[in-house]
Amino acid sequence: AQDVAGKKIGIAAREITNDYNRDIIAGAEKALKAAGAEVVV
């Protein structure tokens, strides 16, 4: 968490069209934000 606190991390989705796409993003985003990162999708 200290390594990424305040840093920007990208999530690059090929498409966001269904639950599968959205939930992968949501799962990653939640974990990254919990570590203090800023997330860009």
PDB file of all heavy atoms in Angstrom:
ATOM      1  N   ALA A   1       0.830  -1.203   0.000  1.00  0.00           N
ATOM      2  CA  ALA A   1       0.000   0.000   0.000  1.00  0.00           C
ATOM      3  C   ALA A   1       0.864   1.253   0.000  1.00  0.00           C
ATOM      4  O   ALA A   1       0.579   2.229  -0.694  1.00  0.00           O
ATOM      5  CB  ALA A   1      -0.936  -0.011   1.208  1.00  0.00           C
ATOM      6  N   GLN A   2       1.966   1.204   0.770  1.00  0.00           N
ATOM      7  CA  GLN A   2       2.876   2.354   0.798  1.00  0.00           C
ATOM      8  C   GLN A   2       3.510   2.592  -0.560  1.00  0.00           C
ATOM      9  O   GLN A   2       3.747   3.728  -0.967  1.00  0.00           O
ATOM     10  CB  GLN A   2       3.960   2.124   1.858  1.00  0.00           C
ATOM     11  CG  GLN A   2       3.430   2.180   3.296  1.00  0.00           C
ATOM     12  CD  GLN A   2       4.491   1.823   4.310  1.00  0.00           C
ATOM     13  OE1 GLN A   2       5.628   1.520   3.941  1.00  0.00           O
ATOM     14  NE2 GLN A   2       4.137   1.835   5.576  1.00  0.00           N
ATOM     15  N   ASP A   3       3.746   1.504  -1.312  1.00  0.00           N
ATOM     16  CA  ASP A   3       4.387   1.631  -2.620  1.00  0.00           C
ATOM     17  C   ASP A   3       3.513   2.368  -3.636  1.00  0.00           C
ATOM     18  O   ASP A   3       4.031   2.948  -4.588  1.00  0.00           O
ATOM     19  CB  ASP A   3       4.738   0.242  -3.176  1.00  0.00           C
ATOM     20  CG  ASP A   3       5.906  -0.382  -2.435  1.00  0.00           C
ATOM     21  OD1 ASP A   3       6.815   0.360  -2.029  1.00  0.00           O
ATOM     22  OD2 ASP A   3       5.898  -1.613  -2.263  1.00  0.00           O
ATOM     23  N   VAL A   4       2.191   2.326  -3.489  1.00  0.00           N
ATOM     24  CA  VAL A   4       1.310   2.940  -4.483  1.00  0.00           C
ATOM     25  C   VAL A   4       0.483   4.101  -3.927  1.00  0.00           C
ATOM     26  O   VAL A   4      -0.282   4.710  -4.675  1.00  0.00           O
ATOM     27  CB  VAL A   4       0.355   1.894  -5.104  1.00  0.00           C
ATOM     28  CG1 VAL A   4       1.129   0.813  -5.814  1.00  0.00           C
ATOM     29  CG2 VAL A   4      -0.571   1.313  -4.055  1.00  0.00           C
ATOM     30  N   ALA A   5       0.617   4.368  -2.642  1.00  0.00           N
ATOM     31  CA  ALA A   5      -0.185   5.436  -2.040  1.00  0.00           C
ATOM     32  C   ALA A   5       0.009   6.751  -2.796  1.00  0.00           C
ATOM     33  O   ALA A   5       1.134   7.228  -2.966  1.00  0.00           O
ATOM     34  CB  ALA A   5       0.186   5.612  -0.576  1.00  0.00           C
ATOM     35  N   GLY A   6      -1.097   7.313  -3.299  1.00  0.00           N
ATOM     36  CA  GLY A   6      -1.034   8.582  -4.023  1.00  0.00           C
ATOM     37  C   GLY A   6      -0.597   8.462  -5.466  1.00  0.00           C
ATOM     38  O   GLY A   6      -0.582   9.465  -6.189  1.00  0.00           O
ATOM     39  N   LYS A   7      -0.250   7.249  -5.916  1.00  0.00           N
ATOM     40  CA  LYS A   7       0.192   7.063  -7.299  1.00  0.00           C
ATOM     41  C   LYS A   7      -0.983   6.678  -8.199  1.00  0.00           C
ATOM     42  O   LYS A   7      -2.017   6.216  -7.736  1.00  0.00           O
ATOM     43  CB  LYS A   7       1.288   5.996  -7.378  1.00  0.00           C
ATOM     44  CG  LYS A   7       2.577   6.394  -6.669  1.00  0.00           C
ATOM     45  CD  LYS A   7       3.633   5.311  -6.805  1.00  0.00           C
ATOM     46  CE  LYS A   7       4.927   5.713  -6.089  1.00  0.00           C
ATOM     47  NZ  LYS A   7       5.953   4.646  -6.190  1.00  0.00           N
ATOM     48  N   LYS A   8      -0.791   6.848  -9.487  1.00  0.00           N
ATOM     49  CA  LYS A   8      -1.837   6.554 -10.463  1.00  0.00           C
ATOM     50  C   LYS A   8      -1.587   5.182 -11.088  1.00  0.00           C
ATOM     51  O   LYS A   8      -0.474   4.870 -11.514  1.00  0.00           O
ATOM     52  CB  LYS A   8      -1.839   7.643 -11.545  1.00  0.00           C
ATOM     53  CG  LYS A   8      -2.994   7.533 -12.521  1.00  0.00           C
ATOM     54  CD  LYS A   8      -3.157   8.813 -13.331  1.00  0.00           C
ATOM     55  CE  LYS A   8      -1.936   9.142 -14.149  1.00  0.00           C
ATOM     56  NZ  LYS A   8      -2.143  10.303 -15.032  1.00  0.00           N
ATOM     57  N   ILE A   9      -2.644   4.378 -11.139  1.00  0.00           N
ATOM     58  CA  ILE A   9      -2.575   3.057 -11.774  1.00  0.00           C
ATOM     59  C   ILE A   9      -3.673   2.981 -12.829  1.00  0.00           C
ATOM     60  O   ILE A   9      -4.803   3.411 -12.603  1.00  0.00           O
ATOM     61  CB  ILE A   9      -2.733   1.927 -10.744  1.00  0.00           C
ATOM     62  CG1 ILE A   9      -1.499   1.886  -9.835  1.00  0.00           C
ATOM     63  CG2 ILE A   9      -2.921   0.577 -11.432  1.00  0.00           C
ATOM     64  CD1 ILE A   9      -1.532   0.807  -8.792  1.00  0.00           C
ATOM     65  N   GLY A  10      -3.332   2.437 -13.986  1.00  0.00           N
ATOM     66  CA  GLY A  10      -4.286   2.351 -15.079  1.00  0.00           C
ATOM     67  C   GLY A  10      -4.934   0.985 -15.201  1.00  0.00           C
ATOM     68  O   GLY A  10      -4.302  -0.041 -14.951  1.00  0.00           O
ATOM     69  N   ILE A  11      -6.217   0.990 -15.535  1.00  0.00           N
ATOM     70  CA  ILE A  11      -6.923  -0.231 -15.927  1.00  0.00           C
ATOM     71  C   ILE A  11      -7.383  -0.018 -17.365  1.00  0.00           C
ATOM     72  O   ILE A  11      -8.220   0.850 -17.624  1.00  0.00           O
ATOM     73  CB  ILE A  11      -8.140  -0.518 -15.025  1.00  0.00           C
ATOM     74  CG1 ILE A  11      -7.705  -0.692 -13.566  1.00  0.00           C
ATOM     75  CG2 ILE A  11      -8.877  -1.764 -15.519  1.00  0.00           C
ATOM     76  CD1 ILE A  11      -8.867  -0.887 -12.602  1.00  0.00           C
ATOM     77  N   ALA A  12      -6.813  -0.783 -18.290  1.00  0.00           N
ATOM     78  CA  ALA A  12      -7.137  -0.620 -19.707  1.00  0.00           C
ATOM     79  C   ALA A  12      -8.066  -1.752 -20.130  1.00  0.00           C
ATOM     80  O   ALA A  12      -7.658  -2.915 -20.201  1.00  0.00           O
ATOM     81  CB  ALA A  12      -5.864  -0.639 -20.551  1.00  0.00           C
ATOM     82  N   ALA A  13      -9.330  -1.413 -20.398  1.00  0.00           N
ATOM     83  CA  ALA A  13     -10.317  -2.408 -20.825  1.00  0.00           C
ATOM     84  C   ALA A  13     -10.476  -2.356 -22.338  1.00  0.00           C
ATOM     85  O   ALA A  13     -10.590  -1.269 -22.911  1.00  0.00           O
ATOM     86  CB  ALA A  13     -11.662  -2.139 -20.158  1.00  0.00           C
ATOM     87  N   ARG A  14     -10.479  -3.519 -22.962  1.00  0.00           N
ATOM     88  CA  ARG A  14     -10.724  -3.535 -24.409  1.00  0.00           C
ATOM     89  C   ARG A  14     -12.137  -3.067 -24.717  1.00  0.00           C
ATOM     90  O   ARG A  14     -12.380  -2.370 -25.690  1.00  0.00           O
ATOM     91  CB  ARG A  14     -10.493  -4.935 -24.978  1.00  0.00           C
ATOM     92  CG  ARG A  14     -10.522  -4.989 -26.510  1.00  0.00           C
ATOM     93  CD  ARG A  14     -10.409  -6.399 -27.022  1.00  0.00           C
ATOM     94  NE  ARG A  14     -11.566  -7.212 -26.633  1.00  0.00           N
ATOM     95  CZ  ARG A  14     -11.624  -8.537 -26.763  1.00  0.00           C
ATOM     96  NH1 ARG A  14     -10.580  -9.191 -27.241  1.00  0.00           N
ATOM     97  NH2 ARG A  14     -12.711  -9.204 -26.404  1.00  0.00           N
ATOM     98  N   GLU A  15     -13.082  -3.496 -23.860  1.00  0.00           N
ATOM     99  CA  GLU A  15     -14.461  -3.005 -23.968  1.00  0.00           C
ATOM    100  C   GLU A  15     -15.130  -3.124 -22.611  1.00  0.00           C
ATOM    101  O   GLU A  15     -14.677  -3.899 -21.755  1.00  0.00           O
ATOM    102  CB  GLU A  15     -15.272  -3.769 -25.016  1.00  0.00           C
ATOM    103  CG  GLU A  15     -15.550  -5.206 -24.669  1.00  0.00           C
ATOM    104  CD  GLU A  15     -14.663  -6.188 -25.445  1.00  0.00           C
ATOM    105  OE1 GLU A  15     -13.766  -5.742 -26.184  1.00  0.00           O
ATOM    106  OE2 GLU A  15     -14.863  -7.390 -25.288  1.00  0.00           O
ATOM    107  N   ILE A  16     -16.187  -2.368 -22.413  1.00  0.00           N
ATOM    108  CA  ILE A  16     -16.979  -2.444 -21.180  1.00  0.00           C
ATOM    109  C   ILE A  16     -18.429  -2.594 -21.618  1.00  0.00           C
ATOM    110  O   ILE A  16     -19.166  -1.614 -21.738  1.00  0.00           O
ATOM    111  CB  ILE A  16     -16.789  -1.197 -20.297  1.00  0.00           C
ATOM    112  CG1 ILE A  16     -15.297  -0.934 -20.040  1.00  0.00           C
ATOM    113  CG2 ILE A  16     -17.527  -1.377 -18.964  1.00  0.00           C
ATOM    114  CD1 ILE A  16     -15.011   0.358 -19.278  1.00  0.00           C
ATOM    115  N   THR A  17     -18.842  -3.832 -21.871  1.00  0.00           N
ATOM    116  CA  THR A  17     -20.170  -4.055 -22.448  1.00  0.00           C
ATOM    117  C   THR A  17     -21.064  -4.946 -21.593  1.00  0.00           C
ATOM    118  O   THR A  17     -22.277  -4.918 -21.767  1.00  0.00           O
ATOM    119  CB  THR A  17     -20.045  -4.713 -23.839  1.00  0.00           C
ATOM    120  OG1 THR A  17     -19.330  -5.953 -23.709  1.00  0.00           O
ATOM    121  CG2 THR A  17     -19.300  -3.801 -24.805  1.00  0.00           C
ATOM    122  N   ASN A  18     -20.490  -5.735 -20.683  1.00  0.00           N
ATOM    123  CA  ASN A  18     -21.322  -6.652 -19.908  1.00  0.00           C
ATOM    124  C   ASN A  18     -20.825  -6.759 -18.476  1.00  0.00           C
ATOM    125  O   ASN A  18     -19.836  -6.117 -18.081  1.00  0.00           O
ATOM    126  CB  ASN A  18     -21.393  -8.029 -20.578  1.00  0.00           C
ATOM    127  CG  ASN A  18     -20.026  -8.664 -20.772  1.00  0.00           C
ATOM    128  OD1 ASN A  18     -19.048  -8.260 -20.163  1.00  0.00           O
ATOM    129  ND2 ASN A  18     -19.952  -9.674 -21.617  1.00  0.00           N
ATOM    130  N   ASP A  19     -21.513  -7.583 -17.675  1.00  0.00           N
ATOM    131  CA  ASP A  19     -21.146  -7.759 -16.274  1.00  0.00           C
ATOM    132  C   ASP A  19     -19.714  -8.254 -16.129  1.00  0.00           C
ATOM    133  O   ASP A  19     -19.004  -7.872 -15.192  1.00  0.00           O
ATOM    134  CB  ASP A  19     -22.093  -8.763 -15.604  1.00  0.00           C
ATOM    135  CG  ASP A  19     -23.504  -8.213 -15.441  1.00  0.00           C
ATOM    136  OD1 ASP A  19     -23.643  -6.989 -15.293  1.00  0.00           O
ATOM    137  OD2 ASP A  19     -24.464  -9.009 -15.455  1.00  0.00           O
ATOM    138  N   TYR A  20     -19.304  -9.111 -17.034  1.00  0.00           N
ATOM    139  CA  TYR A  20     -17.943  -9.662 -16.981  1.00  0.00           C
ATOM    140  C   TYR A  20     -16.908  -8.536 -17.026  1.00  0.00           C
ATOM    141  O   TYR A  20     -16.014  -8.472 -16.186  1.00  0.00           O
ATOM    142  CB  TYR A  20     -17.760 -10.621 -18.156  1.00  0.00           C
ATOM    143  CG  TYR A  20     -16.415 -11.287 -18.220  1.00  0.00           C
ATOM    144  CD1 TYR A  20     -16.119 -12.369 -17.413  1.00  0.00           C
ATOM    145  CD2 TYR A  20     -15.442 -10.843 -19.115  1.00  0.00           C
ATOM    146  CE1 TYR A  20     -14.890 -12.996 -17.476  1.00  0.00           C
ATOM    147  CE2 TYR A  20     -14.213 -11.461 -19.187  1.00  0.00           C
ATOM    148  CZ  TYR A  20     -13.940 -12.539 -18.367  1.00  0.00           C
ATOM    149  OH  TYR A  20     -12.712 -13.149 -18.428  1.00  0.00           O
ATOM    150  N   ASN A  21     -17.044  -7.642 -17.987  1.00  0.00           N
ATOM    151  CA  ASN A  21     -16.113  -6.517 -18.099  1.00  0.00           C
ATOM    152  C   ASN A  21     -16.168  -5.624 -16.861  1.00  0.00           C
ATOM    153  O   ASN A  21     -15.142  -5.272 -16.264  1.00  0.00           O
ATOM    154  CB  ASN A  21     -16.435  -5.659 -19.320  1.00  0.00           C
ATOM    155  CG  ASN A  21     -16.457  -6.428 -20.621  1.00  0.00           C
ATOM    156  OD1 ASN A  21     -17.348  -6.234 -21.439  1.00  0.00           O
ATOM    157  ND2 ASN A  21     -15.501  -7.306 -20.849  1.00  0.00           N
ATOM    158  N   ARG A  22     -17.386  -5.243 -16.502  1.00  0.00           N
ATOM    159  CA  ARG A  22     -17.561  -4.293 -15.400  1.00  0.00           C
ATOM    160  C   ARG A  22     -17.059  -4.843 -14.063  1.00  0.00           C
ATOM    161  O   ARG A  22     -16.464  -4.114 -13.266  1.00  0.00           O
ATOM    162  CB  ARG A  22     -19.038  -3.902 -15.282  1.00  0.00           C
ATOM    163  CG  ARG A  22     -19.521  -2.990 -16.403  1.00  0.00           C
ATOM    164  CD  ARG A  22     -20.944  -2.530 -16.173  1.00  0.00           C
ATOM    165  NE  ARG A  22     -21.904  -3.612 -16.390  1.00  0.00           N
ATOM    166  CZ  ARG A  22     -22.474  -3.877 -17.558  1.00  0.00           C
ATOM    167  NH1 ARG A  22     -22.186  -3.147 -18.628  1.00  0.00           N
ATOM    168  NH2 ARG A  22     -23.348  -4.868 -17.677  1.00  0.00           N
ATOM    169  N   ASP A  23     -17.266  -6.140 -13.833  1.00  0.00           N
ATOM    170  CA  ASP A  23     -16.898  -6.697 -12.533  1.00  0.00           C
ATOM    171  C   ASP A  23     -15.409  -6.957 -12.399  1.00  0.00           C
ATOM    172  O   ASP A  23     -14.874  -6.938 -11.282  1.00  0.00           O
ATOM    173  CB  ASP A  23     -17.699  -7.969 -12.266  1.00  0.00           C
ATOM    174  CG  ASP A  23     -19.134  -7.665 -11.869  1.00  0.00           C
ATOM    175  OD1 ASP A  23     -19.448  -6.475 -11.683  1.00  0.00           O
ATOM    176  OD2 ASP A  23     -19.943  -8.597 -11.734  1.00  0.00           O
ATOM    177  N   ILE A  24     -14.711  -7.221 -13.489  1.00  0.00           N
ATOM    178  CA  ILE A  24     -13.246  -7.301 -13.422  1.00  0.00           C
ATOM    179  C   ILE A  24     -12.697  -5.936 -13.030  1.00  0.00           C
ATOM    180  O   ILE A  24     -11.838  -5.811 -12.149  1.00  0.00           O
ATOM    181  CB  ILE A  24     -12.647  -7.763 -14.762  1.00  0.00           C
ATOM    182  CG1 ILE A  24     -12.948  -9.236 -15.010  1.00  0.00           C
ATOM    183  CG2 ILE A  24     -11.124  -7.550 -14.769  1.00  0.00           C
ATOM    184  CD1 ILE A  24     -12.440  -9.763 -16.334  1.00  0.00           C
ATOM    185  N   ILE A  25     -13.205  -4.895 -13.672  1.00  0.00           N
ATOM    186  CA  ILE A  25     -12.766  -3.535 -13.355  1.00  0.00           C
ATOM    187  C   ILE A  25     -13.067  -3.206 -11.900  1.00  0.00           C
ATOM    188  O   ILE A  25     -12.213  -2.680 -11.173  1.00  0.00           O
ATOM    189  CB  ILE A  25     -13.442  -2.517 -14.295  1.00  0.00           C
ATOM    190  CG1 ILE A  25     -12.960  -2.716 -15.729  1.00  0.00           C
ATOM    191  CG2 ILE A  25     -13.164  -1.082 -13.836  1.00  0.00           C
ATOM    192  CD1 ILE A  25     -13.755  -1.946 -16.766  1.00  0.00           C
ATOM    193  N   ALA A  26     -14.292  -3.523 -11.460  1.00  0.00           N
ATOM    194  CA  ALA A  26     -14.690  -3.203 -10.091  1.00  0.00           C
ATOM    195  C   ALA A  26     -13.813  -3.922  -9.072  1.00  0.00           C
ATOM    196  O   ALA A  26     -13.410  -3.342  -8.058  1.00  0.00           O
ATOM    197  CB  ALA A  26     -16.156  -3.561  -9.875  1.00  0.00           C
ATOM    198  N   GLY A  27     -13.501  -5.205  -9.335  1.00  0.00           N
ATOM    199  CA  GLY A  27     -12.668  -5.962  -8.412  1.00  0.00           C
ATOM    200  C   GLY A  27     -11.265  -5.392  -8.312  1.00  0.00           C
ATOM    201  O   GLY A  27     -10.706  -5.271  -7.217  1.00  0.00           O
ATOM    202  N   ALA A  28     -10.689  -5.029  -9.455  1.00  0.00           N
ATOM    203  CA  ALA A  28      -9.344  -4.443  -9.461  1.00  0.00           C
ATOM    204  C   ALA A  28      -9.348  -3.057  -8.824  1.00  0.00           C
ATOM    205  O   ALA A  28      -8.475  -2.721  -8.016  1.00  0.00           O
ATOM    206  CB  ALA A  28      -8.809  -4.375 -10.886  1.00  0.00           C
ATOM    207  N   GLU A  29     -10.343  -2.261  -9.183  1.00  0.00           N
ATOM    208  CA  GLU A  29     -10.413  -0.883  -8.685  1.00  0.00           C
ATOM    209  C   GLU A  29     -10.532  -0.850  -7.164  1.00  0.00           C
ATOM    210  O   GLU A  29      -9.876  -0.050  -6.492  1.00  0.00           O
ATOM    211  CB  GLU A  29     -11.609  -0.184  -9.333  1.00  0.00           C
ATOM    212  CG  GLU A  29     -11.572   1.321  -9.244  1.00  0.00           C
ATOM    213  CD  GLU A  29     -12.607   1.966 -10.154  1.00  0.00           C
ATOM    214  OE1 GLU A  29     -13.574   1.277 -10.558  1.00  0.00           O
ATOM    215  OE2 GLU A  29     -12.450   3.154 -10.462  1.00  0.00           O
ATOM    216  N   LYS A  30     -11.348  -1.728  -6.622  1.00  0.00           N
ATOM    217  CA  LYS A  30     -11.540  -1.763  -5.166  1.00  0.00           C
ATOM    218  C   LYS A  30     -10.233  -2.072  -4.446  1.00  0.00           C
ATOM    219  O   LYS A  30      -9.873  -1.414  -3.455  1.00  0.00           O
ATOM    220  CB  LYS A  30     -12.600  -2.805  -4.817  1.00  0.00           C
ATOM    221  CG  LYS A  30     -12.914  -2.890  -3.327  1.00  0.00           C
ATOM    222  CD  LYS A  30     -14.015  -3.916  -3.065  1.00  0.00           C
ATOM    223  CE  LYS A  30     -14.333  -4.005  -1.567  1.00  0.00           C
ATOM    224  NZ  LYS A  30     -15.394  -5.021  -1.318  1.00  0.00           N
ATOM    225  N   ALA A  31      -9.499  -3.074  -4.948  1.00  0.00           N
ATOM    226  CA  ALA A  31      -8.240  -3.464  -4.313  1.00  0.00           C
ATOM    227  C   ALA A  31      -7.185  -2.373  -4.447  1.00  0.00           C
ATOM    228  O   ALA A  31      -6.433  -2.108  -3.503  1.00  0.00           O
ATOM    229  CB  ALA A  31      -7.735  -4.768  -4.931  1.00  0.00           C
ATOM    230  N   LEU A  32      -7.123  -1.734  -5.597  1.00  0.00           N
ATOM    231  CA  LEU A  32      -6.117  -0.697  -5.825  1.00  0.00           C
ATOM    232  C   LEU A  32      -6.403   0.561  -4.999  1.00  0.00           C
ATOM    233  O   LEU A  32      -5.495   1.169  -4.427  1.00  0.00           O
ATOM    234  CB  LEU A  32      -6.054  -0.346  -7.310  1.00  0.00           C
ATOM    235  CG  LEU A  32      -5.537  -1.481  -8.222  1.00  0.00           C
ATOM    236  CD1 LEU A  32      -5.747  -1.126  -9.682  1.00  0.00           C
ATOM    237  CD2 LEU A  32      -4.074  -1.776  -7.935  1.00  0.00           C
ATOM    238  N   LYS A  33      -7.674   0.933  -4.936  1.00  0.00           N
ATOM    239  CA  LYS A  33      -8.031   2.109  -4.135  1.00  0.00           C
ATOM    240  C   LYS A  33      -7.810   1.852  -2.646  1.00  0.00           C
ATOM    241  O   LYS A  33      -7.432   2.758  -1.899  1.00  0.00           O
ATOM    242  CB  LYS A  33      -9.476   2.508  -4.410  1.00  0.00           C
ATOM    243  CG  LYS A  33      -9.673   3.181  -5.757  1.00  0.00           C
ATOM    244  CD  LYS A  33     -11.103   3.661  -5.954  1.00  0.00           C
ATOM    245  CE  LYS A  33     -11.252   4.447  -7.248  1.00  0.00           C
ATOM    246  NZ  LYS A  33     -12.651   4.899  -7.465  1.00  0.00           N
ATOM    247  N   ALA A  34      -8.034   0.606  -2.215  1.00  0.00           N
ATOM    248  CA  ALA A  34      -7.785   0.256  -0.819  1.00  0.00           C
ATOM    249  C   ALA A  34      -6.309   0.404  -0.467  1.00  0.00           C
ATOM    250  O   ALA A  34      -5.954   0.660   0.685  1.00  0.00           O
ATOM    251  CB  ALA A  34      -8.249  -1.177  -0.548  1.00  0.00           C
ATOM    252  N   ALA A  35      -5.454   0.253  -1.489  1.00  0.00           N
ATOM    253  CA  ALA A  35      -4.011   0.428  -1.281  1.00  0.00           C
ATOM    254  C   ALA A  35      -3.583   1.887  -1.394  1.00  0.00           C
ATOM    255  O   ALA A  35      -2.395   2.194  -1.269  1.00  0.00           O
ATOM    256  CB  ALA A  35      -3.240  -0.420  -2.293  1.00  0.00           C
ATOM    257  N   GLY A  36      -4.547   2.775  -1.663  1.00  0.00           N
ATOM    258  CA  GLY A  36      -4.242   4.200  -1.714  1.00  0.00           C
ATOM    259  C   GLY A  36      -3.939   4.749  -3.086  1.00  0.00           C
ATOM    260  O   GLY A  36      -3.541   5.913  -3.227  1.00  0.00           O
ATOM    261  N   ALA A  37      -4.137   3.925  -4.132  1.00  0.00           N
ATOM    262  CA  ALA A  37      -3.816   4.366  -5.490  1.00  0.00           C
ATOM    263  C   ALA A  37      -4.969   5.169  -6.092  1.00  0.00           C
ATOM    264  O   ALA A  37      -6.135   4.978  -5.741  1.00  0.00           O
ATOM    265  CB  ALA A  37      -3.513   3.168  -6.375  1.00  0.00           C
ATOM    266  N   GLU A  38      -4.611   6.028  -7.035  1.00  0.00           N
ATOM    267  CA  GLU A  38      -5.605   6.693  -7.877  1.00  0.00           C
ATOM    268  C   GLU A  38      -5.761   5.823  -9.119  1.00  0.00           C
ATOM    269  O   GLU A  38      -4.773   5.453  -9.743  1.00  0.00           O
ATOM    270  CB  GLU A  38      -5.129   8.094  -8.262  1.00  0.00           C
ATOM    271  CG  GLU A  38      -6.045   8.809  -9.240  1.00  0.00           C
ATOM    272  CD  GLU A  38      -5.436  10.085  -9.797  1.00  0.00           C
ATOM    273  OE1 GLU A  38      -4.404  10.545  -9.268  1.00  0.00           O
ATOM    274  OE2 GLU A  38      -5.973  10.597 -10.804  1.00  0.00           O
ATOM    275  N   VAL A  39      -7.002   5.500  -9.490  1.00  0.00           N
ATOM    276  CA  VAL A  39      -7.237   4.568 -10.588  1.00  0.00           C
ATOM    277  C   VAL A  39      -7.825   5.292 -11.797  1.00  0.00           C
ATOM    278  O   VAL A  39      -8.782   6.057 -11.660  1.00  0.00           O
ATOM    279  CB  VAL A  39      -8.185   3.427 -10.154  1.00  0.00           C
ATOM    280  CG1 VAL A  39      -8.439   2.470 -11.320  1.00  0.00           C
ATOM    281  CG2 VAL A  39      -7.595   2.666  -8.963  1.00  0.00           C
ATOM    282  N   VAL A  40      -7.234   5.037 -12.967  1.00  0.00           N
ATOM    283  CA  VAL A  40      -7.721   5.592 -14.227  1.00  0.00           C
ATOM    284  C   VAL A  40      -8.152   4.428 -15.114  1.00  0.00           C
ATOM    285  O   VAL A  40      -7.375   3.499 -15.352  1.00  0.00           O
ATOM    286  CB  VAL A  40      -6.631   6.414 -14.943  1.00  0.00           C
ATOM    287  CG1 VAL A  40      -7.150   6.935 -16.282  1.00  0.00           C
ATOM    288  CG2 VAL A  40      -6.157   7.555 -14.073  1.00  0.00           C
ATOM    289  N   VAL A  41      -9.400   4.457 -15.586  1.00  0.00           N
ATOM    290  CA  VAL A  41      -9.934   3.377 -16.422  1.00  0.00           C
ATOM    291  C   VAL A  41     -10.116   3.871 -17.849  1.00  0.00           C
ATOM    292  O   VAL A  41     -10.679   4.945 -18.072  1.00  0.00           O
ATOM    293  CB  VAL A  41     -11.288   2.868 -15.877  1.00  0.00           C
ATOM    294  CG1 VAL A  41     -11.843   1.755 -16.774  1.00  0.00           C
ATOM    295  CG2 VAL A  41     -11.146   2.378 -14.442  1.00  0.00           C
TER     296      VAL A  41
END
